PDB file of N, CA and C in Angstrom:
ATOM      1  N   UNK A   1     156.997  86.999 158.201  1.00  0.00           N
ATOM      2  CA  UNK A   1     156.293  85.859 158.802  1.00  0.00           C
ATOM      3  C   UNK A   1     154.892  85.760 158.181  1.00  0.00           C
ATOM      4  N   UNK A   2     154.547  84.565 157.748  1.00  0.00           N
ATOM      5  CA  UNK A   2     153.254  84.315 157.123  1.00  0.00           C
ATOM      6  C   UNK A   2     152.268  83.757 158.131  1.00  0.00           C
ATOM      7  N   UNK A   3     151.128  84.408 158.285  1.00  0.00           N
ATOM      8  CA  UNK A   3     150.086  83.922 159.234  1.00  0.00           C
ATOM      9  C   UNK A   3     148.874  83.619 158.456  1.00  0.00           C
ATOM     10  N   UNK A   4     148.382  82.369 158.579  1.00  0.00           N
ATOM     11  CA  UNK A   4     147.179  81.949 157.884  1.00  0.00           C
ATOM     12  C   UNK A   4     145.953  82.552 158.575  1.00  0.00           C
ATOM     13  N   UNK A   5     145.022  82.929 157.738  1.00  0.00           N
ATOM     14  CA  UNK A   5     143.745  83.423 158.315  1.00  0.00           C
ATOM     15  C   UNK A   5     142.944  82.204 158.780  1.00  0.00           C
ATOM     16  N   UNK A   6     142.118  82.374 159.855  1.00  0.00           N
ATOM     17  CA  UNK A   6     141.258  81.296 160.283  1.00  0.00           C
ATOM     18  C   UNK A   6     140.310  80.848 159.142  1.00  0.00           C
ATOM     19  N   UNK A   7     139.942  79.592 159.229  1.00  0.00           N
ATOM     20  CA  UNK A   7     138.926  79.074 158.254  1.00  0.00           C
ATOM     21  C   UNK A   7     137.618  79.812 158.506  1.00  0.00           C
ATOM     22  N   UNK A   8     137.079  80.384 157.429  1.00  0.00           N
ATOM     23  CA  UNK A   8     135.848  81.180 157.525  1.00  0.00           C
ATOM     24  C   UNK A   8     134.632  80.315 157.756  1.00  0.00           C
ATOM     25  N   UNK A   9     133.659  80.849 158.419  1.00  0.00           N
ATOM     26  CA  UNK A   9     132.388  80.153 158.615  1.00  0.00           C
ATOM     27  C   UNK A   9     131.670  79.986 157.293  1.00  0.00           C
ATOM     28  N   UNK A  10     130.986  78.840 157.093  1.00  0.00           N
ATOM     29  CA  UNK A  10     130.263  78.638 155.856  1.00  0.00           C
ATOM     30  C   UNK A  10     128.848  79.254 155.871  1.00  0.00           C
ATOM     31  N   UNK A  11     128.547  80.005 156.915  1.00  0.00           N
ATOM     32  CA  UNK A  11     127.208  80.601 157.047  1.00  0.00           C
ATOM     33  C   UNK A  11     126.911  81.498 155.846  1.00  0.00           C
ATOM     34  N   UNK A  12     125.712  81.318 155.303  1.00  0.00           N
ATOM     35  CA  UNK A  12     125.253  82.090 154.158  1.00  0.00           C
ATOM     36  C   UNK A  12     124.007  82.928 154.509  1.00  0.00           C
ATOM     37  N   UNK A  13     123.767  83.077 155.809  1.00  0.00           N
ATOM     38  CA  UNK A  13     122.649  83.882 156.310  1.00  0.00           C
ATOM     39  C   UNK A  13     121.277  83.344 155.919  1.00  0.00           C
ATOM     40  N   UNK A  14     121.218  82.036 155.715  1.00  0.00           N
ATOM     41  CA  UNK A  14     119.906  81.342 155.481  1.00  0.00           C
ATOM     42  C   UNK A  14     119.861  80.310 156.627  1.00  0.00           C
ATOM     43  N   UNK A  15     119.416  80.797 157.800  1.00  0.00           N
ATOM     44  CA  UNK A  15     119.510  80.004 158.995  1.00  0.00           C
ATOM     45  C   UNK A  15     118.159  79.368 159.338  1.00  0.00           C
ATOM     46  N   UNK A  16     118.008  78.142 158.966  1.00  0.00           N
ATOM     47  CA  UNK A  16     116.794  77.368 159.272  1.00  0.00           C
ATOM     48  C   UNK A  16     117.161  75.907 159.286  1.00  0.00           C
ATOM     49  N   UNK A  17     116.667  75.169 160.308  1.00  0.00           N
ATOM     50  CA  UNK A  17     116.962  73.766 160.390  1.00  0.00           C
ATOM     51  C   UNK A  17     115.934  72.898 159.665  1.00  0.00           C
ATOM     52  N   UNK A  18     116.426  71.848 159.009  1.00  0.00           N
ATOM     53  CA  UNK A  18     115.515  70.911 158.372  1.00  0.00           C
ATOM     54  C   UNK A  18     115.066  69.841 159.399  1.00  0.00           C
ATOM     55  N   UNK A  19     114.352  68.836 158.962  1.00  0.00           N
ATOM     56  CA  UNK A  19     113.837  67.791 159.861  1.00  0.00           C
ATOM     57  C   UNK A  19     114.938  67.025 160.612  1.00  0.00           C
ATOM     58  N   UNK A  20     116.163  67.072 160.077  1.00  0.00           N
ATOM     59  CA  UNK A  20     117.253  66.362 160.693  1.00  0.00           C
ATOM     60  C   UNK A  20     118.163  67.263 161.496  1.00  0.00           C
ATOM     61  N   UNK A  21     117.699  68.516 161.751  1.00  0.00           N
ATOM     62  CA  UNK A  21     118.447  69.538 162.484  1.00  0.00           C
ATOM     63  C   UNK A  21     119.729  69.922 161.781  1.00  0.00           C
ATOM     64  N   UNK A  22     119.688  69.971 160.450  1.00  0.00           N
ATOM     65  CA  UNK A  22     120.794  70.431 159.620  1.00  0.00           C
ATOM     66  C   UNK A  22     120.361  71.769 159.050  1.00  0.00           C
ATOM     67  N   UNK A  23     121.233  72.757 159.140  1.00  0.00           N
ATOM     68  CA  UNK A  23     120.908  74.069 158.577  1.00  0.00           C
ATOM     69  C   UNK A  23     120.793  73.965 157.053  1.00  0.00           C
ATOM     70  N   UNK A  24     119.679  74.515 156.526  1.00  0.00           N
ATOM     71  CA  UNK A  24     119.486  74.415 155.087  1.00  0.00           C
ATOM     72  C   UNK A  24     120.411  75.380 154.308  1.00  0.00           C
ATOM     73  N   UNK A  25     120.981  76.336 154.977  1.00  0.00           N
ATOM     74  CA  UNK A  25     121.902  77.238 154.341  1.00  0.00           C
ATOM     75  C   UNK A  25     123.315  76.737 154.235  1.00  0.00           C
ATOM     76  N   UNK A  26     123.928  76.357 155.400  1.00  0.00           N
ATOM     77  CA  UNK A  26     125.300  75.988 155.434  1.00  0.00           C
ATOM     78  C   UNK A  26     125.583  74.463 155.552  1.00  0.00           C
ATOM     79  N   UNK A  27     124.570  73.700 155.839  1.00  0.00           N
ATOM     80  CA  UNK A  27     124.616  72.251 155.990  1.00  0.00           C
ATOM     81  C   UNK A  27     125.330  71.767 157.253  1.00  0.00           C
ATOM     82  N   UNK A  28     125.481  72.701 158.238  1.00  0.00           N
ATOM     83  CA  UNK A  28     126.044  72.243 159.537  1.00  0.00           C
ATOM     84  C   UNK A  28     124.931  71.833 160.476  1.00  0.00           C
ATOM     85  N   UNK A  29     125.271  70.915 161.364  1.00  0.00           N
ATOM     86  CA  UNK A  29     124.265  70.561 162.403  1.00  0.00           C
ATOM     87  C   UNK A  29     124.411  71.526 163.576  1.00  0.00           C
ATOM     88  N   UNK A  30     123.516  71.411 164.529  1.00  0.00           N
ATOM     89  CA  UNK A  30     123.485  72.369 165.645  1.00  0.00           C
ATOM     90  C   UNK A  30     124.769  72.401 166.422  1.00  0.00           C
ATOM     91  N   UNK A  31     125.332  71.258 166.699  1.00  0.00           N
ATOM     92  CA  UNK A  31     126.609  71.196 167.460  1.00  0.00           C
ATOM     93  C   UNK A  31     127.721  71.891 166.681  1.00  0.00           C
ATOM     94  N   UNK A  32     127.767  71.637 165.414  1.00  0.00           N
ATOM     95  CA  UNK A  32     128.810  72.272 164.572  1.00  0.00           C
ATOM     96  C   UNK A  32     128.672  73.794 164.543  1.00  0.00           C
ATOM     97  N   UNK A  33     127.464  74.258 164.491  1.00  0.00           N
ATOM     98  CA  UNK A  33     127.205  75.708 164.497  1.00  0.00           C
ATOM     99  C   UNK A  33     127.602  76.326 165.844  1.00  0.00           C
ATOM    100  N   UNK A  34     127.162  75.721 166.951  1.00  0.00           N
ATOM    101  CA  UNK A  34     127.425  76.281 168.241  1.00  0.00           C
ATOM    102  C   UNK A  34     128.839  76.173 168.681  1.00  0.00           C
ATOM    103  N   UNK A  35     129.617  75.179 168.189  1.00  0.00           N
ATOM    104  CA  UNK A  35     131.000  75.042 168.608  1.00  0.00           C
ATOM    105  C   UNK A  35     132.018  75.642 167.628  1.00  0.00           C
ATOM    106  N   UNK A  36     131.527  76.203 166.501  1.00  0.00           N
ATOM    107  CA  UNK A  36     132.409  76.713 165.452  1.00  0.00           C
ATOM    108  C   UNK A  36     133.498  77.657 165.995  1.00  0.00           C
ATOM    109  N   UNK A  37     133.103  78.608 166.852  1.00  0.00           N
ATOM    110  CA  UNK A  37     134.070  79.612 167.325  1.00  0.00           C
ATOM    111  C   UNK A  37     135.121  78.996 168.239  1.00  0.00           C
ATOM    112  N   UNK A  38     134.906  77.822 168.738  1.00  0.00           N
ATOM    113  CA  UNK A  38     135.885  77.188 169.658  1.00  0.00           C
ATOM    114  C   UNK A  38     136.703  76.092 168.941  1.00  0.00           C
ATOM    115  N   UNK A  39     136.461  75.889 167.620  1.00  0.00           N
ATOM    116  CA  UNK A  39     137.150  74.838 166.879  1.00  0.00           C
ATOM    117  C   UNK A  39     138.481  75.427 166.321  1.00  0.00           C
ATOM    118  N   UNK A  40     139.457  74.544 166.209  1.00  0.00           N
ATOM    119  CA  UNK A  40     140.698  74.948 165.499  1.00  0.00           C
ATOM    120  C   UNK A  40     140.436  74.785 163.981  1.00  0.00           C
ATOM    121  N   UNK A  41     141.416  75.220 163.204  1.00  0.00           N
ATOM    122  CA  UNK A  41     141.230  75.124 161.757  1.00  0.00           C
ATOM    123  C   UNK A  41     141.075  73.760 161.245  1.00  0.00           C
ATOM    124  N   UNK A  42     141.759  72.800 161.838  1.00  0.00           N
ATOM    125  CA  UNK A  42     141.626  71.381 161.408  1.00  0.00           C
ATOM    126  C   UNK A  42     140.208  70.883 161.608  1.00  0.00           C
ATOM    127  N   UNK A  43     139.661  71.192 162.784  1.00  0.00           N
ATOM    128  CA  UNK A  43     138.249  70.778 163.037  1.00  0.00           C
ATOM    129  C   UNK A  43     137.286  71.472 162.099  1.00  0.00           C
ATOM    130  N   UNK A  44     137.545  72.737 161.826  1.00  0.00           N
ATOM    131  CA  UNK A  44     136.682  73.471 160.911  1.00  0.00           C
ATOM    132  C   UNK A  44     136.722  72.857 159.508  1.00  0.00           C
ATOM    133  N   UNK A  45     137.886  72.434 159.057  1.00  0.00           N
ATOM    134  CA  UNK A  45     137.968  71.844 157.768  1.00  0.00           C
ATOM    135  C   UNK A  45     137.231  70.489 157.697  1.00  0.00           C
ATOM    136  N   UNK A  46     137.273  69.780 158.813  1.00  0.00           N
ATOM    137  CA  UNK A  46     136.503  68.553 158.860  1.00  0.00           C
ATOM    138  C   UNK A  46     134.997  68.824 158.761  1.00  0.00           C
ATOM    139  N   UNK A  47     134.522  69.858 159.446  1.00  0.00           N
ATOM    140  CA  UNK A  47     133.117  70.256 159.397  1.00  0.00           C
ATOM    141  C   UNK A  47     132.799  70.632 157.962  1.00  0.00           C
ATOM    142  N   UNK A  48     133.624  71.430 157.315  1.00  0.00           N
ATOM    143  CA  UNK A  48     133.371  71.836 155.926  1.00  0.00           C
ATOM    144  C   UNK A  48     133.265  70.677 154.995  1.00  0.00           C
ATOM    145  N   UNK A  49     134.093  69.649 155.223  1.00  0.00           N
ATOM    146  CA  UNK A  49     134.036  68.433 154.426  1.00  0.00           C
ATOM    147  C   UNK A  49     132.673  67.722 154.617  1.00  0.00           C
ATOM    148  N   UNK A  50     132.230  67.634 155.887  1.00  0.00           N
ATOM    149  CA  UNK A  50     130.927  67.023 156.133  1.00  0.00           C
ATOM    150  C   UNK A  50     129.834  67.817 155.514  1.00  0.00           C
ATOM    151  N   UNK A  51     129.933  69.167 155.559  1.00  0.00           N
ATOM    152  CA  UNK A  51     128.910  70.001 154.906  1.00  0.00           C
ATOM    153  C   UNK A  51     128.844  69.752 153.422  1.00  0.00           C
ATOM    154  N   UNK A  52     130.011  69.640 152.779  1.00  0.00           N
ATOM    155  CA  UNK A  52     130.099  69.331 151.380  1.00  0.00           C
ATOM    156  C   UNK A  52     129.405  67.981 151.079  1.00  0.00           C
ATOM    157  N   UNK A  53     129.725  66.993 151.911  1.00  0.00           N
ATOM    158  CA  UNK A  53     129.153  65.640 151.710  1.00  0.00           C
ATOM    159  C   UNK A  53     127.634  65.693 151.899  1.00  0.00           C
ATOM    160  N   UNK A  54     127.159  66.435 152.882  1.00  0.00           N
ATOM    161  CA  UNK A  54     125.677  66.553 153.090  1.00  0.00           C
ATOM    162  C   UNK A  54     125.011  67.223 151.892  1.00  0.00           C
ATOM    163  N   UNK A  55     125.628  68.253 151.378  1.00  0.00           N
ATOM    164  CA  UNK A  55     125.061  68.980 150.233  1.00  0.00           C
ATOM    165  C   UNK A  55     125.026  68.074 149.044  1.00  0.00           C
ATOM    166  N   UNK A  56     126.124  67.330 148.825  1.00  0.00           N
ATOM    167  CA  UNK A  56     126.199  66.390 147.660  1.00  0.00           C
ATOM    168  C   UNK A  56     125.132  65.346 147.763  1.00  0.00           C
ATOM    169  N   UNK A  57     124.925  64.788 148.961  1.00  0.00           N
ATOM    170  CA  UNK A  57     123.907  63.752 149.191  1.00  0.00           C
ATOM    171  C   UNK A  57     122.499  64.274 148.902  1.00  0.00           C
ATOM    172  N   UNK A  58     122.322  65.570 149.093  1.00  0.00           N
ATOM    173  CA  UNK A  58     120.997  66.158 148.852  1.00  0.00           C
ATOM    174  C   UNK A  58     120.892  66.699 147.407  1.00  0.00           C
ATOM    175  N   UNK A  59     121.943  66.526 146.620  1.00  0.00           N
ATOM    176  CA  UNK A  59     121.896  66.993 145.245  1.00  0.00           C
ATOM    177  C   UNK A  59     121.986  68.480 145.140  1.00  0.00           C
ATOM    178  N   UNK A  60     122.642  69.115 146.100  1.00  0.00           N
ATOM    179  CA  UNK A  60     122.702  70.568 146.131  1.00  0.00           C
ATOM    180  C   UNK A  60     123.926  71.181 145.478  1.00  0.00           C
ATOM    181  N   UNK A  61     124.831  70.339 144.993  1.00  0.00           N
ATOM    182  CA  UNK A  61     126.038  70.816 144.337  1.00  0.00           C
ATOM    183  C   UNK A  61     125.842  70.854 142.850  1.00  0.00           C
ATOM    184  N   UNK A  62     126.471  71.806 142.210  1.00  0.00           N
ATOM    185  CA  UNK A  62     126.355  71.973 140.776  1.00  0.00           C
ATOM    186  C   UNK A  62     127.292  71.036 140.113  1.00  0.00           C
TER     187      UNK A  62
END
């Protein structure tokens, strides 16, 4: 039986909020950070997509 591991947190231990209350380390907002442990994998993947989009909009992706 194959069991998928839960989607890992994007936390990179750089925990500080910018002026828009987005973490400068992982790009999650406060609600996404506080609710992460209660999210299912589908919700977590949606958050990760938003984090990617936020980072791209700030020019943070290579």
